[in-house]
């Protein structure tokens, strides 16, 4: 019984659907240009996080420490790029 009530509440009547479609859609703001250095740093961050997870799985403490230190360096670089852009 409760499932039927939930389904009936989520369904739209044709009048509701038509009213929403006729309203003008808000245009998305144009995307800002992304700094290539920042994009490269983000890509490096993704690979480092994968390497960190692999080191955790392998229980390799030395590699884990190196990877975490490198992640910290890349984060600092990202913040510096953001501060320079502001």
N, C-alpha and C. Protein backbone atom coordinates (compact mmCIF):
# COMPACT_ATOMS: atom_id res chain seq x y z
N UNK A 1 0.82 -1.19 0.00
CA UNK A 1 0.00 0.00 0.00
C UNK A 1 0.87 1.25 0.00
N UNK A 2 1.90 1.27 0.85
CA UNK A 2 2.77 2.44 0.92
C UNK A 2 3.55 2.63 -0.37
N UNK A 3 3.90 1.53 -1.05
CA UNK A 3 4.63 1.62 -2.31
C UNK A 3 3.78 2.29 -3.38
N UNK A 4 2.48 1.97 -3.40
CA UNK A 4 1.58 2.57 -4.39
C UNK A 4 1.47 4.07 -4.16
N UNK A 5 1.45 4.49 -2.92
CA UNK A 5 1.35 5.92 -2.62
C UNK A 5 2.61 6.65 -3.07
N UNK A 6 3.79 6.05 -2.83
CA UNK A 6 5.04 6.67 -3.25
C UNK A 6 5.12 6.78 -4.77
N UNK A 7 4.69 5.74 -5.48
CA UNK A 7 4.71 5.77 -6.93
C UNK A 7 3.80 6.84 -7.48
N UNK A 8 2.61 6.99 -6.89
CA UNK A 8 1.66 7.98 -7.38
C UNK A 8 2.16 9.40 -7.11
N UNK A 9 2.92 9.58 -6.06
CA UNK A 9 3.45 10.91 -5.75
C UNK A 9 4.58 11.31 -6.69
N UNK A 10 5.35 10.34 -7.17
CA UNK A 10 6.49 10.68 -8.02
C UNK A 10 6.09 10.84 -9.48
N UNK A 11 4.94 10.29 -9.89
CA UNK A 11 4.51 10.42 -11.28
C UNK A 11 4.00 11.83 -11.52
N UNK A 12 4.28 12.34 -12.75
CA UNK A 12 3.79 13.66 -13.11
C UNK A 12 2.59 13.52 -14.03
N UNK A 13 1.65 14.41 -13.86
CA UNK A 13 0.52 14.44 -14.78
C UNK A 13 0.97 15.17 -16.03
N UNK A 14 0.30 14.98 -17.15
CA UNK A 14 0.70 15.67 -18.38
C UNK A 14 0.72 17.18 -18.23
N UNK A 15 -0.16 17.74 -17.42
CA UNK A 15 -0.19 19.19 -17.24
C UNK A 15 1.05 19.67 -16.52
N UNK A 16 1.53 18.90 -15.51
CA UNK A 16 2.73 19.30 -14.79
C UNK A 16 3.95 19.21 -15.69
N UNK A 17 4.04 18.15 -16.46
CA UNK A 17 5.18 17.96 -17.34
C UNK A 17 5.23 19.01 -18.43
N UNK A 18 4.08 19.41 -18.96
CA UNK A 18 4.04 20.39 -20.03
C UNK A 18 4.42 21.77 -19.50
N UNK A 19 4.01 22.08 -18.28
CA UNK A 19 4.34 23.38 -17.70
C UNK A 19 5.82 23.54 -17.47
N UNK A 20 6.48 22.47 -17.06
CA UNK A 20 7.91 22.54 -16.81
C UNK A 20 8.69 22.67 -18.11
N UNK A 21 8.21 22.04 -19.18
CA UNK A 21 8.92 22.06 -20.46
C UNK A 21 8.79 23.41 -21.14
N UNK A 22 7.68 24.13 -20.93
CA UNK A 22 7.48 25.40 -21.62
C UNK A 22 8.26 26.55 -20.97
N UNK A 23 8.71 26.37 -19.75
CA UNK A 23 9.48 27.42 -19.08
C UNK A 23 10.86 27.51 -19.72
N UNK A 24 11.39 28.72 -19.83
CA UNK A 24 12.73 28.84 -20.42
C UNK A 24 13.77 28.22 -19.50
N UNK A 25 14.71 27.50 -20.11
CA UNK A 25 15.75 26.84 -19.33
C UNK A 25 16.86 27.82 -19.03
N UNK A 26 17.41 27.70 -17.85
CA UNK A 26 18.52 28.57 -17.47
C UNK A 26 19.76 28.13 -18.24
N UNK A 27 20.44 29.08 -18.83
CA UNK A 27 21.64 28.76 -19.59
C UNK A 27 22.80 28.59 -18.62
N UNK A 28 23.62 27.61 -18.89
CA UNK A 28 24.79 27.36 -18.05
C UNK A 28 25.83 28.43 -18.33
N UNK A 29 26.52 28.81 -17.30
CA UNK A 29 27.58 29.80 -17.45
C UNK A 29 28.70 29.18 -18.27
N UNK A 30 29.37 29.98 -19.11
CA UNK A 30 30.47 29.42 -19.90
C UNK A 30 31.58 28.90 -19.01
N UNK A 31 32.15 27.79 -19.40
CA UNK A 31 33.20 27.18 -18.60
C UNK A 31 34.45 28.04 -18.64
N UNK A 32 35.08 28.17 -17.49
CA UNK A 32 36.31 28.93 -17.43
C UNK A 32 37.45 28.11 -18.00
N UNK A 33 38.44 28.78 -18.53
CA UNK A 33 39.61 28.09 -19.05
C UNK A 33 40.40 27.52 -17.89
N UNK A 34 40.77 26.24 -18.00
CA UNK A 34 41.52 25.57 -16.96
C UNK A 34 43.00 25.70 -17.29
N UNK A 35 43.77 26.08 -16.30
CA UNK A 35 45.21 26.21 -16.47
C UNK A 35 45.79 24.83 -16.79
N UNK A 36 46.56 24.70 -17.87
CA UNK A 36 47.12 23.38 -18.22
C UNK A 36 47.99 22.79 -17.12
N UNK A 37 48.70 23.64 -16.39
CA UNK A 37 49.53 23.14 -15.30
C UNK A 37 48.66 22.55 -14.19
N UNK A 38 47.53 23.19 -13.95
CA UNK A 38 46.63 22.71 -12.91
C UNK A 38 45.99 21.39 -13.33
N UNK A 39 45.62 21.29 -14.60
CA UNK A 39 45.03 20.05 -15.10
C UNK A 39 46.04 18.91 -15.03
N UNK A 40 47.30 19.19 -15.35
CA UNK A 40 48.34 18.17 -15.29
C UNK A 40 48.57 17.72 -13.84
N UNK A 41 48.54 18.68 -12.92
CA UNK A 41 48.73 18.36 -11.51
C UNK A 41 47.58 17.50 -10.99
N UNK A 42 46.38 17.79 -11.44
CA UNK A 42 45.23 16.99 -11.01
C UNK A 42 45.33 15.57 -11.55
N UNK A 43 45.78 15.43 -12.80
CA UNK A 43 45.96 14.10 -13.38
C UNK A 43 47.03 13.32 -12.61
N UNK A 44 48.10 14.02 -12.25
CA UNK A 44 49.17 13.38 -11.47
C UNK A 44 48.64 12.96 -10.10
N UNK A 45 47.78 13.78 -9.52
CA UNK A 45 47.19 13.47 -8.22
C UNK A 45 46.36 12.18 -8.30
N UNK A 46 45.60 12.03 -9.37
CA UNK A 46 44.80 10.81 -9.53
C UNK A 46 45.69 9.57 -9.61
N UNK A 47 46.78 9.66 -10.37
CA UNK A 47 47.67 8.50 -10.48
C UNK A 47 48.36 8.21 -9.15
N UNK A 48 48.73 9.26 -8.43
CA UNK A 48 49.38 9.07 -7.14
C UNK A 48 48.44 8.44 -6.12
N UNK A 49 47.17 8.83 -6.17
CA UNK A 49 46.20 8.24 -5.24
C UNK A 49 46.00 6.76 -5.54
N UNK A 50 46.04 6.40 -6.82
CA UNK A 50 45.93 4.98 -7.19
C UNK A 50 47.16 4.23 -6.69
N UNK A 51 48.35 4.85 -6.82
CA UNK A 51 49.58 4.23 -6.35
C UNK A 51 49.56 4.08 -4.83
N UNK A 52 49.00 5.08 -4.16
CA UNK A 52 48.88 5.01 -2.70
C UNK A 52 47.99 3.85 -2.28
N UNK A 53 46.87 3.70 -2.96
CA UNK A 53 45.96 2.59 -2.65
C UNK A 53 46.63 1.24 -2.89
N UNK A 54 47.42 1.17 -3.97
CA UNK A 54 48.12 -0.08 -4.27
C UNK A 54 49.16 -0.39 -3.19
N UNK A 55 49.85 0.64 -2.70
CA UNK A 55 50.84 0.46 -1.64
C UNK A 55 50.18 0.01 -0.34
N UNK A 56 49.01 0.53 -0.07
CA UNK A 56 48.27 0.12 1.13
C UNK A 56 47.88 -1.35 1.01
N UNK A 57 47.37 -1.73 -0.17
CA UNK A 57 46.98 -3.13 -0.39
C UNK A 57 48.17 -4.07 -0.26
N UNK A 58 49.34 -3.63 -0.78
CA UNK A 58 50.54 -4.47 -0.76
C UNK A 58 51.24 -4.41 0.59
N UNK A 59 50.77 -3.54 1.47
CA UNK A 59 51.39 -3.34 2.79
C UNK A 59 52.87 -2.97 2.65
N UNK A 60 53.13 -2.09 1.68
CA UNK A 60 54.49 -1.62 1.41
C UNK A 60 54.65 -0.24 2.05
N UNK A 61 55.19 -0.23 3.26
CA UNK A 61 55.30 1.01 4.02
C UNK A 61 56.22 2.04 3.39
N UNK A 62 57.31 1.59 2.79
CA UNK A 62 58.27 2.52 2.19
C UNK A 62 57.63 3.22 0.99
N UNK A 63 57.01 2.44 0.11
CA UNK A 63 56.37 3.04 -1.07
C UNK A 63 55.20 3.92 -0.65
N UNK A 64 54.48 3.53 0.37
CA UNK A 64 53.37 4.32 0.87
C UNK A 64 53.85 5.68 1.35
N UNK A 65 54.94 5.70 2.09
CA UNK A 65 55.47 6.96 2.59
C UNK A 65 55.91 7.86 1.44
N UNK A 66 56.58 7.28 0.44
CA UNK A 66 57.03 8.07 -0.71
C UNK A 66 55.84 8.66 -1.46
N UNK A 67 54.82 7.83 -1.65
CA UNK A 67 53.66 8.28 -2.41
C UNK A 67 52.91 9.36 -1.66
N UNK A 68 52.75 9.21 -0.36
CA UNK A 68 52.06 10.25 0.42
C UNK A 68 52.83 11.56 0.40
N UNK A 69 54.13 11.48 0.45
CA UNK A 69 54.96 12.69 0.40
C UNK A 69 54.81 13.37 -0.96
N UNK A 70 54.77 12.57 -2.03
CA UNK A 70 54.60 13.13 -3.37
C UNK A 70 53.22 13.76 -3.53
N UNK A 71 52.19 13.12 -2.94
CA UNK A 71 50.84 13.69 -2.98
C UNK A 71 50.85 15.05 -2.30
N UNK A 72 51.55 15.15 -1.19
CA UNK A 72 51.62 16.42 -0.47
C UNK A 72 52.28 17.49 -1.32
N UNK A 73 53.35 17.12 -2.04
CA UNK A 73 54.04 18.07 -2.91
C UNK A 73 53.12 18.56 -4.03
N UNK A 74 52.36 17.64 -4.61
CA UNK A 74 51.47 18.02 -5.70
C UNK A 74 50.33 18.91 -5.18
N UNK A 75 49.82 18.61 -3.99
CA UNK A 75 48.78 19.46 -3.40
C UNK A 75 49.29 20.88 -3.18
N UNK A 76 50.52 20.98 -2.71
CA UNK A 76 51.10 22.30 -2.48
C UNK A 76 51.28 23.04 -3.80
N UNK A 77 51.65 22.29 -4.85
CA UNK A 77 51.80 22.90 -6.16
C UNK A 77 50.45 23.39 -6.68
N UNK A 78 49.40 22.60 -6.47
CA UNK A 78 48.07 23.01 -6.89
C UNK A 78 47.62 24.28 -6.18
N UNK A 79 47.88 24.35 -4.89
CA UNK A 79 47.50 25.55 -4.13
C UNK A 79 48.27 26.76 -4.62
N UNK A 80 49.55 26.57 -4.95
CA UNK A 80 50.36 27.68 -5.46
C UNK A 80 49.84 28.17 -6.80
N UNK A 81 49.43 27.24 -7.64
CA UNK A 81 48.89 27.62 -8.95
C UNK A 81 47.58 28.41 -8.74
N UNK A 82 46.74 27.94 -7.83
CA UNK A 82 45.50 28.65 -7.54
C UNK A 82 45.71 30.03 -6.96
N UNK A 83 46.71 30.16 -6.10
CA UNK A 83 47.00 31.46 -5.50
C UNK A 83 47.55 32.43 -6.55
N UNK A 84 48.35 31.92 -7.47
CA UNK A 84 48.93 32.76 -8.50
C UNK A 84 47.86 33.24 -9.47
N UNK A 85 46.84 32.41 -9.71
CA UNK A 85 45.76 32.77 -10.63
C UNK A 85 44.83 33.82 -10.02
N UNK A 86 44.74 33.88 -8.71
CA UNK A 86 43.84 34.83 -8.05
C UNK A 86 44.32 36.23 -8.06
